[in-house]
N, C-alpha and C. Protein backbone atom coordinates (compact mmCIF):
# COMPACT_ATOMS: atom_id res chain seq x y z
N MET A 1 1.24 -22.59 26.31
CA MET A 1 1.51 -23.97 25.54
C MET A 1 0.34 -24.39 25.00
N THR A 2 0.55 -24.84 23.81
CA THR A 2 -0.79 -25.07 22.90
C THR A 2 -1.30 -26.41 23.52
N GLN A 3 -2.44 -26.94 23.54
CA GLN A 3 -2.96 -28.51 23.67
C GLN A 3 -2.17 -29.42 23.14
N LEU A 4 -2.07 -29.17 21.80
CA LEU A 4 -1.27 -29.95 20.67
C LEU A 4 0.27 -30.06 21.49
N VAL A 5 1.12 -29.29 21.83
CA VAL A 5 2.31 -29.33 22.48
C VAL A 5 2.28 -29.91 23.99
N ALA A 6 1.08 -29.52 24.61
CA ALA A 6 0.80 -29.82 25.99
C ALA A 6 0.88 -31.63 26.15
N ASN A 7 0.32 -32.27 25.01
CA ASN A 7 0.48 -33.59 24.87
C ASN A 7 1.11 -34.22 23.46
N ARG A 8 2.67 -34.16 23.45
CA ARG A 8 3.34 -34.44 22.54
C ARG A 8 3.02 -35.63 22.05
N GLU A 9 3.04 -36.76 22.85
CA GLU A 9 2.70 -38.11 22.39
C GLU A 9 1.36 -38.30 21.46
N GLU A 10 0.33 -37.58 21.99
CA GLU A 10 -0.85 -37.79 21.10
C GLU A 10 -0.79 -36.53 20.05
N ALA A 11 0.18 -35.67 19.90
CA ALA A 11 0.36 -34.90 18.57
C ALA A 11 1.04 -35.59 17.48
N LEU A 12 1.97 -36.32 17.98
CA LEU A 12 2.55 -37.11 17.24
C LEU A 12 1.87 -38.39 16.76
N GLY A 13 0.85 -38.71 17.31
CA GLY A 13 0.14 -39.86 16.90
C GLY A 13 -0.81 -39.28 15.77
N GLU A 14 -0.90 -37.91 15.68
CA GLU A 14 -1.71 -37.34 14.44
C GLU A 14 -1.10 -37.10 13.22
N VAL A 15 0.52 -37.27 13.35
CA VAL A 15 1.33 -36.87 12.16
C VAL A 15 1.24 -38.04 11.47
N PRO A 16 0.91 -38.13 10.16
CA PRO A 16 0.74 -39.42 9.37
C PRO A 16 2.12 -40.05 9.44
N LEU A 17 3.16 -39.80 9.34
CA LEU A 17 4.35 -40.29 9.55
C LEU A 17 4.78 -41.02 10.66
N PHE A 18 4.20 -40.81 11.92
CA PHE A 18 4.10 -41.40 12.88
C PHE A 18 2.65 -42.22 13.65
N SER A 19 1.88 -42.24 12.85
CA SER A 19 0.43 -42.44 13.34
C SER A 19 0.46 -44.23 13.41
N ASP A 20 0.97 -44.83 12.95
CA ASP A 20 1.05 -46.29 13.27
C ASP A 20 2.13 -46.92 14.20
N LEU A 21 2.89 -45.81 14.79
CA LEU A 21 3.80 -46.32 15.85
C LEU A 21 2.92 -46.45 17.04
N SER A 22 3.63 -47.53 18.09
CA SER A 22 2.91 -47.91 19.11
C SER A 22 2.91 -46.88 20.45
N ARG A 23 2.21 -47.11 21.27
CA ARG A 23 2.57 -45.94 22.47
C ARG A 23 3.89 -45.86 22.67
N ARG A 24 4.55 -46.84 22.86
CA ARG A 24 5.97 -47.09 23.86
C ARG A 24 6.68 -46.29 22.55
N GLN A 25 6.57 -46.30 21.57
CA GLN A 25 7.60 -45.68 20.24
C GLN A 25 7.28 -44.19 20.31
N LEU A 26 5.80 -43.77 20.19
CA LEU A 26 5.34 -42.43 20.52
C LEU A 26 5.95 -41.66 21.74
N ARG A 27 6.04 -42.34 22.56
CA ARG A 27 6.38 -41.73 24.11
C ARG A 27 8.12 -41.47 23.90
N ARG A 28 8.84 -42.46 23.44
CA ARG A 28 10.20 -42.55 23.30
C ARG A 28 10.46 -41.26 22.34
N LEU A 29 9.77 -40.93 21.19
CA LEU A 29 10.12 -40.20 20.58
C LEU A 29 9.53 -38.70 20.96
N ALA A 30 8.69 -38.43 21.65
CA ALA A 30 8.18 -37.55 22.32
C ALA A 30 8.96 -36.89 23.49
N GLY A 31 9.78 -37.83 24.16
CA GLY A 31 10.62 -37.35 24.96
C GLY A 31 11.88 -36.74 24.57
N LYS A 32 12.13 -36.82 23.15
CA LYS A 32 13.45 -36.31 22.46
C LYS A 32 13.38 -34.90 21.83
N LEU A 33 11.88 -34.58 21.83
CA LEU A 33 11.44 -33.32 21.16
C LEU A 33 11.57 -31.95 21.67
N ARG A 34 11.85 -31.03 21.12
CA ARG A 34 12.11 -29.71 21.75
C ARG A 34 10.94 -28.78 21.34
N GLU A 35 10.60 -27.82 21.88
CA GLU A 35 9.63 -26.58 21.44
C GLU A 35 10.37 -25.52 20.96
N ARG A 36 9.91 -25.13 19.74
CA ARG A 36 10.60 -24.05 19.42
C ARG A 36 9.56 -22.90 18.88
N GLN A 37 9.69 -21.57 18.81
CA GLN A 37 8.61 -20.46 18.54
C GLN A 37 9.43 -19.63 17.52
N PHE A 38 8.51 -19.38 16.60
CA PHE A 38 8.83 -18.63 15.64
C PHE A 38 7.97 -17.49 15.16
N ASP A 39 8.30 -16.05 15.37
CA ASP A 39 7.35 -14.92 15.10
C ASP A 39 7.16 -15.04 13.48
N PRO A 40 6.01 -14.30 13.05
CA PRO A 40 5.79 -14.10 11.73
C PRO A 40 7.00 -13.73 10.85
N GLY A 41 7.28 -14.32 9.79
CA GLY A 41 8.47 -13.60 8.99
C GLY A 41 9.77 -14.47 9.21
N MET A 42 9.98 -15.29 10.45
CA MET A 42 11.07 -15.81 10.82
C MET A 42 11.29 -17.07 9.81
N THR A 43 12.16 -17.80 9.56
CA THR A 43 12.45 -18.79 8.53
C THR A 43 13.30 -19.86 9.36
N PRO A 44 12.26 -20.94 9.76
CA PRO A 44 13.08 -22.10 10.48
C PRO A 44 14.19 -22.99 9.72
N VAL A 45 13.80 -22.87 8.20
CA VAL A 45 14.86 -23.42 7.21
C VAL A 45 14.67 -22.43 6.00
N ARG A 46 15.99 -22.40 5.49
CA ARG A 46 16.13 -21.60 4.04
C ARG A 46 16.56 -22.44 3.09
N GLU A 47 16.13 -22.08 1.79
CA GLU A 47 16.43 -22.94 0.76
C GLU A 47 18.00 -22.42 0.37
N GLY A 48 18.66 -23.64 0.11
CA GLY A 48 20.23 -23.51 -0.11
C GLY A 48 21.07 -23.32 0.93
N HIS A 49 20.63 -23.22 2.24
CA HIS A 49 21.44 -23.23 3.12
C HIS A 49 21.69 -24.95 3.82
N MET A 50 22.74 -25.23 4.18
CA MET A 50 23.28 -26.53 4.46
C MET A 50 22.65 -26.46 6.44
N SER A 51 21.44 -26.68 6.64
CA SER A 51 21.12 -26.51 8.07
C SER A 51 20.21 -27.58 8.54
N GLY A 52 20.52 -28.57 7.91
CA GLY A 52 19.84 -29.76 8.25
C GLY A 52 20.07 -30.24 9.89
N CYS A 53 19.68 -29.71 10.76
CA CYS A 53 20.16 -29.85 12.01
C CYS A 53 18.99 -30.57 12.59
N CYS A 54 17.70 -30.41 12.32
CA CYS A 54 16.34 -30.72 12.79
C CYS A 54 15.44 -31.04 11.82
N PHE A 55 14.89 -31.87 12.70
CA PHE A 55 13.55 -32.25 11.86
C PHE A 55 12.35 -31.66 12.59
N PHE A 56 11.28 -30.99 11.81
CA PHE A 56 10.09 -30.03 12.55
C PHE A 56 8.73 -30.81 12.33
N ILE A 57 7.81 -30.39 13.44
CA ILE A 57 6.58 -30.90 13.20
C ILE A 57 5.79 -29.52 13.61
N VAL A 58 4.93 -29.15 12.67
CA VAL A 58 4.06 -28.01 13.29
C VAL A 58 2.95 -28.10 14.47
N ALA A 59 3.23 -27.61 15.55
CA ALA A 59 2.27 -27.78 16.46
C ALA A 59 1.09 -26.74 16.33
N SER A 60 1.31 -25.40 15.96
CA SER A 60 0.30 -24.67 15.99
C SER A 60 0.84 -23.46 15.16
N GLY A 61 -0.17 -22.67 14.59
CA GLY A 61 0.13 -21.73 13.32
C GLY A 61 0.37 -22.20 12.16
N GLU A 62 0.57 -21.42 11.24
CA GLU A 62 0.96 -21.63 9.89
C GLU A 62 2.38 -21.16 9.49
N ALA A 63 2.54 -21.67 8.17
CA ALA A 63 3.94 -21.42 7.62
C ALA A 63 3.79 -21.53 5.96
N THR A 64 4.44 -20.84 5.24
CA THR A 64 4.66 -20.96 3.80
C THR A 64 6.00 -21.75 3.31
N VAL A 65 5.62 -22.18 2.54
CA VAL A 65 6.80 -23.12 2.12
C VAL A 65 6.97 -22.22 0.60
N SER A 66 8.24 -21.90 0.11
CA SER A 66 8.56 -21.35 -0.99
C SER A 66 9.94 -21.99 -1.79
N ARG A 67 10.05 -22.18 -2.98
CA ARG A 67 11.24 -22.35 -3.59
C ARG A 67 11.45 -21.50 -4.77
N GLU A 68 12.70 -21.02 -4.72
CA GLU A 68 13.13 -20.15 -5.86
C GLU A 68 12.31 -18.60 -5.44
N GLY A 69 11.82 -18.50 -4.58
CA GLY A 69 11.04 -17.27 -4.41
C GLY A 69 9.51 -17.36 -4.56
N ARG A 70 9.16 -18.67 -5.03
CA ARG A 70 7.78 -18.73 -5.33
C ARG A 70 7.10 -19.71 -4.31
N GLU A 71 5.93 -19.19 -3.64
CA GLU A 71 5.07 -20.07 -2.58
C GLU A 71 4.30 -21.20 -3.19
N ILE A 72 4.75 -22.38 -2.79
CA ILE A 72 4.39 -23.79 -3.09
C ILE A 72 3.42 -24.50 -2.14
N ALA A 73 3.30 -23.89 -0.97
CA ALA A 73 2.63 -24.61 -0.09
C ALA A 73 2.53 -23.89 1.19
N THR A 74 1.29 -24.25 2.16
CA THR A 74 1.15 -23.54 3.33
C THR A 74 0.99 -24.69 4.24
N LEU A 75 1.66 -24.64 5.24
CA LEU A 75 1.77 -25.68 6.21
C LEU A 75 0.90 -25.40 7.70
N GLY A 76 0.27 -26.29 7.91
CA GLY A 76 -0.43 -26.19 9.37
C GLY A 76 -0.20 -27.30 10.61
N PRO A 77 -0.96 -27.13 11.38
CA PRO A 77 -0.59 -28.08 12.55
C PRO A 77 -0.84 -29.89 12.21
N GLY A 78 0.58 -30.29 12.47
CA GLY A 78 0.49 -31.72 12.27
C GLY A 78 1.52 -31.94 10.91
N ALA A 79 1.75 -30.76 10.17
CA ALA A 79 2.61 -31.08 9.07
C ALA A 79 4.01 -31.16 9.52
N HIS A 80 5.03 -31.52 8.71
CA HIS A 80 6.26 -31.64 8.98
C HIS A 80 7.01 -31.37 8.07
N PHE A 81 8.35 -30.91 8.22
CA PHE A 81 9.53 -30.60 6.97
C PHE A 81 10.70 -30.83 7.96
N GLY A 82 11.83 -31.08 7.13
CA GLY A 82 13.22 -31.09 7.26
C GLY A 82 13.76 -32.80 7.18
N GLU A 83 13.18 -33.48 7.05
CA GLU A 83 13.66 -35.01 6.90
C GLU A 83 14.37 -35.19 5.97
N LEU A 84 14.17 -34.69 4.66
CA LEU A 84 15.15 -35.04 3.57
C LEU A 84 16.48 -34.51 3.56
N ALA A 85 16.54 -33.15 4.23
CA ALA A 85 17.71 -32.71 4.29
C ALA A 85 18.78 -33.56 5.56
N LEU A 86 18.05 -34.07 6.59
CA LEU A 86 18.85 -34.76 7.51
C LEU A 86 18.98 -36.10 6.96
N ILE A 87 18.39 -36.79 5.81
CA ILE A 87 18.73 -37.87 5.24
C ILE A 87 20.06 -37.69 4.49
N SER A 88 19.62 -36.84 3.54
CA SER A 88 20.59 -36.61 2.50
C SER A 88 21.84 -35.88 2.67
N GLU A 89 21.87 -35.20 4.01
CA GLU A 89 23.06 -34.43 4.17
C GLU A 89 23.35 -33.29 3.32
N ARG A 90 22.21 -32.72 2.68
CA ARG A 90 22.43 -31.62 1.75
C ARG A 90 21.74 -30.38 1.97
N ASP A 91 21.94 -29.26 0.92
CA ASP A 91 21.04 -28.12 1.31
C ASP A 91 19.49 -28.32 1.31
N ARG A 92 19.19 -27.21 2.21
CA ARG A 92 17.68 -27.36 2.26
C ARG A 92 17.03 -27.13 0.75
N THR A 93 16.11 -27.69 0.51
CA THR A 93 15.54 -27.59 -0.77
C THR A 93 14.25 -26.33 -0.95
N ALA A 94 14.11 -25.95 0.31
CA ALA A 94 12.84 -24.89 0.47
C ALA A 94 12.99 -24.25 1.62
N THR A 95 12.35 -22.98 1.23
CA THR A 95 12.34 -21.98 2.57
C THR A 95 10.99 -22.05 3.08
N VAL A 96 11.00 -22.44 4.80
CA VAL A 96 9.71 -22.27 5.48
C VAL A 96 9.88 -20.99 6.05
N THR A 97 8.69 -20.26 6.28
CA THR A 97 8.70 -18.77 6.58
C THR A 97 7.29 -18.88 7.42
N ALA A 98 7.34 -18.58 8.85
CA ALA A 98 6.46 -18.32 9.81
C ALA A 98 5.28 -17.42 8.90
N LYS A 99 4.23 -17.75 8.82
CA LYS A 99 3.17 -16.72 8.26
C LYS A 99 2.37 -16.39 9.23
N THR A 100 2.25 -17.09 10.64
CA THR A 100 1.43 -16.63 11.78
C THR A 100 2.55 -16.80 13.10
N PRO A 101 2.29 -16.46 14.19
CA PRO A 101 3.08 -17.04 15.33
C PRO A 101 3.16 -18.67 15.15
N LEU A 102 4.36 -19.24 15.07
CA LEU A 102 4.29 -20.63 14.56
C LEU A 102 5.36 -21.31 15.74
N THR A 103 4.36 -22.52 16.44
CA THR A 103 5.04 -23.10 17.38
C THR A 103 5.58 -25.01 16.49
N CYS A 104 6.78 -24.88 16.66
CA CYS A 104 7.34 -26.32 16.35
C CYS A 104 7.95 -27.44 17.49
N LEU A 105 7.71 -28.58 17.05
CA LEU A 105 8.57 -29.37 17.79
C LEU A 105 9.56 -29.63 16.98
N ASP A 106 10.65 -30.02 17.44
CA ASP A 106 11.84 -30.23 16.65
C ASP A 106 12.54 -31.40 17.05
N LEU A 107 13.39 -32.14 16.18
CA LEU A 107 13.98 -33.50 16.75
C LEU A 107 15.42 -33.26 16.07
N PRO A 108 16.31 -33.37 17.11
CA PRO A 108 17.81 -32.93 16.69
C PRO A 108 18.30 -34.08 15.65
N VAL A 109 19.19 -33.77 14.54
CA VAL A 109 19.73 -34.83 13.94
C VAL A 109 20.05 -35.91 14.64
N TRP A 110 20.95 -36.03 15.46
CA TRP A 110 21.43 -37.26 16.23
C TRP A 110 20.28 -38.08 16.87
N ASP A 111 19.46 -37.53 17.39
CA ASP A 111 18.10 -38.09 17.91
C ASP A 111 17.24 -38.94 16.68
N PHE A 112 17.34 -38.26 15.61
CA PHE A 112 16.64 -38.58 14.25
C PHE A 112 17.34 -39.91 13.99
N ARG A 113 18.61 -39.78 13.77
CA ARG A 113 19.45 -41.00 13.08
C ARG A 113 19.02 -42.13 14.07
N GLU A 114 19.40 -41.83 15.40
CA GLU A 114 19.18 -43.15 16.33
C GLU A 114 17.78 -43.72 16.16
N LEU A 115 16.94 -42.84 16.32
CA LEU A 115 15.34 -43.62 16.00
C LEU A 115 15.14 -44.43 14.82
N VAL A 116 15.88 -43.84 13.68
CA VAL A 116 15.84 -44.24 12.35
C VAL A 116 16.63 -45.79 12.20
N LYS A 117 17.55 -45.70 12.97
CA LYS A 117 18.41 -46.70 12.95
C LYS A 117 17.93 -48.14 13.86
N THR A 118 17.09 -47.67 14.66
CA THR A 118 16.75 -48.61 16.00
C THR A 118 15.28 -48.85 15.72
N ASP A 119 14.66 -48.30 14.93
CA ASP A 119 13.33 -48.65 14.68
C ASP A 119 12.63 -48.82 13.20
N GLY A 120 12.84 -49.88 12.92
CA GLY A 120 12.55 -50.83 11.62
C GLY A 120 11.07 -50.00 10.89
N GLU A 121 10.05 -50.24 11.76
CA GLU A 121 8.72 -49.78 11.50
C GLU A 121 8.71 -48.14 11.33
N LEU A 122 9.25 -47.49 11.98
CA LEU A 122 9.53 -46.02 11.75
C LEU A 122 10.34 -45.75 10.53
N SER A 123 11.32 -46.61 10.24
CA SER A 123 12.32 -46.40 9.14
C SER A 123 11.46 -46.81 7.70
N TRP A 124 10.57 -47.64 7.78
CA TRP A 124 9.94 -48.16 6.61
C TRP A 124 8.72 -46.85 5.99
N LYS A 125 8.34 -46.43 7.19
CA LYS A 125 7.26 -45.34 6.96
C LYS A 125 7.85 -44.06 6.55
N LEU A 126 9.25 -43.82 6.97
CA LEU A 126 9.93 -42.89 6.42
C LEU A 126 10.34 -42.89 4.84
N LEU A 127 10.80 -44.39 4.67
CA LEU A 127 11.08 -44.67 3.18
C LEU A 127 10.05 -44.44 2.27
N GLN A 128 8.76 -44.94 2.92
CA GLN A 128 7.51 -44.66 1.98
C GLN A 128 7.21 -43.33 1.79
N HIS A 129 7.45 -42.34 2.74
CA HIS A 129 6.96 -40.80 2.77
C HIS A 129 8.10 -40.52 1.70
N VAL A 130 9.28 -40.81 1.83
CA VAL A 130 10.28 -40.10 0.69
C VAL A 130 10.20 -40.36 -0.52
N VAL A 131 9.72 -41.79 -0.90
CA VAL A 131 9.37 -42.46 -2.17
C VAL A 131 8.04 -41.37 -2.67
N THR A 132 7.04 -41.06 -1.92
CA THR A 132 6.06 -40.62 -2.36
C THR A 132 6.53 -39.03 -2.64
N GLN A 133 7.21 -38.15 -1.87
CA GLN A 133 7.58 -37.35 -2.30
C GLN A 133 8.74 -36.94 -3.70
N LEU A 134 9.10 -37.86 -3.83
CA LEU A 134 10.01 -38.14 -5.05
C LEU A 134 9.01 -38.36 -6.08
N LEU A 135 8.21 -39.13 -5.97
CA LEU A 135 7.07 -39.37 -7.22
C LEU A 135 6.23 -38.21 -7.38
N ASP A 136 5.92 -37.55 -6.27
CA ASP A 136 5.06 -36.42 -6.28
C ASP A 136 5.80 -35.10 -6.80
N GLU A 137 7.19 -35.21 -7.00
CA GLU A 137 7.87 -34.14 -6.89
C GLU A 137 7.16 -32.89 -7.57
N PRO A 138 6.78 -32.56 -8.73
CA PRO A 138 6.29 -31.53 -9.51
C PRO A 138 5.21 -30.51 -8.51
N SER A 139 4.41 -31.21 -7.96
CA SER A 139 3.54 -30.87 -6.98
C SER A 139 3.68 -30.85 -5.53
N SER A 140 4.78 -31.37 -5.19
CA SER A 140 5.15 -31.43 -3.84
C SER A 140 5.06 -30.46 -2.99
N GLY A 141 4.95 -30.48 -1.92
CA GLY A 141 5.16 -29.59 -0.61
C GLY A 141 6.16 -29.72 0.28
N GLU A 142 6.91 -30.68 -0.05
CA GLU A 142 8.36 -31.00 0.71
C GLU A 142 8.94 -29.83 1.10
N THR A 143 9.41 -29.54 2.39
CA THR A 143 9.95 -28.60 2.74
C THR A 143 11.22 -28.71 3.30
N ASP A 144 12.26 -29.24 2.58
CA ASP A 144 13.50 -29.30 3.32
C ASP A 144 14.40 -27.99 2.52
């Protein structure tokens, strides 16, 4: 287990989307996370698939993001992906492929929804993030 995963609460505080949350909020969120391992070449999410079951946070390793077969970004520790598919309930807009051994923390859709519905501060940050993704779309590394 990596140091990042060993202290999930601390790891979440490093993710920009969650950086302003209180200790209590981080603790609550950390308790709902699951750890998942992906070998190089595995794809946690695939473009065009309706697999919006989880929101992912990269704990360790690297992954590439591609759209229509073209690599558009690289993700490392602290990066996250999957929130747009959870919110929109649509197909994934990109493929994420493990470049190295990849450890992610994931939050299932039902826990994600509960958190967003009950935590106004987190909902506001998520809304700001989504708007930024939409405004930066041509160069976005969004990975749903």
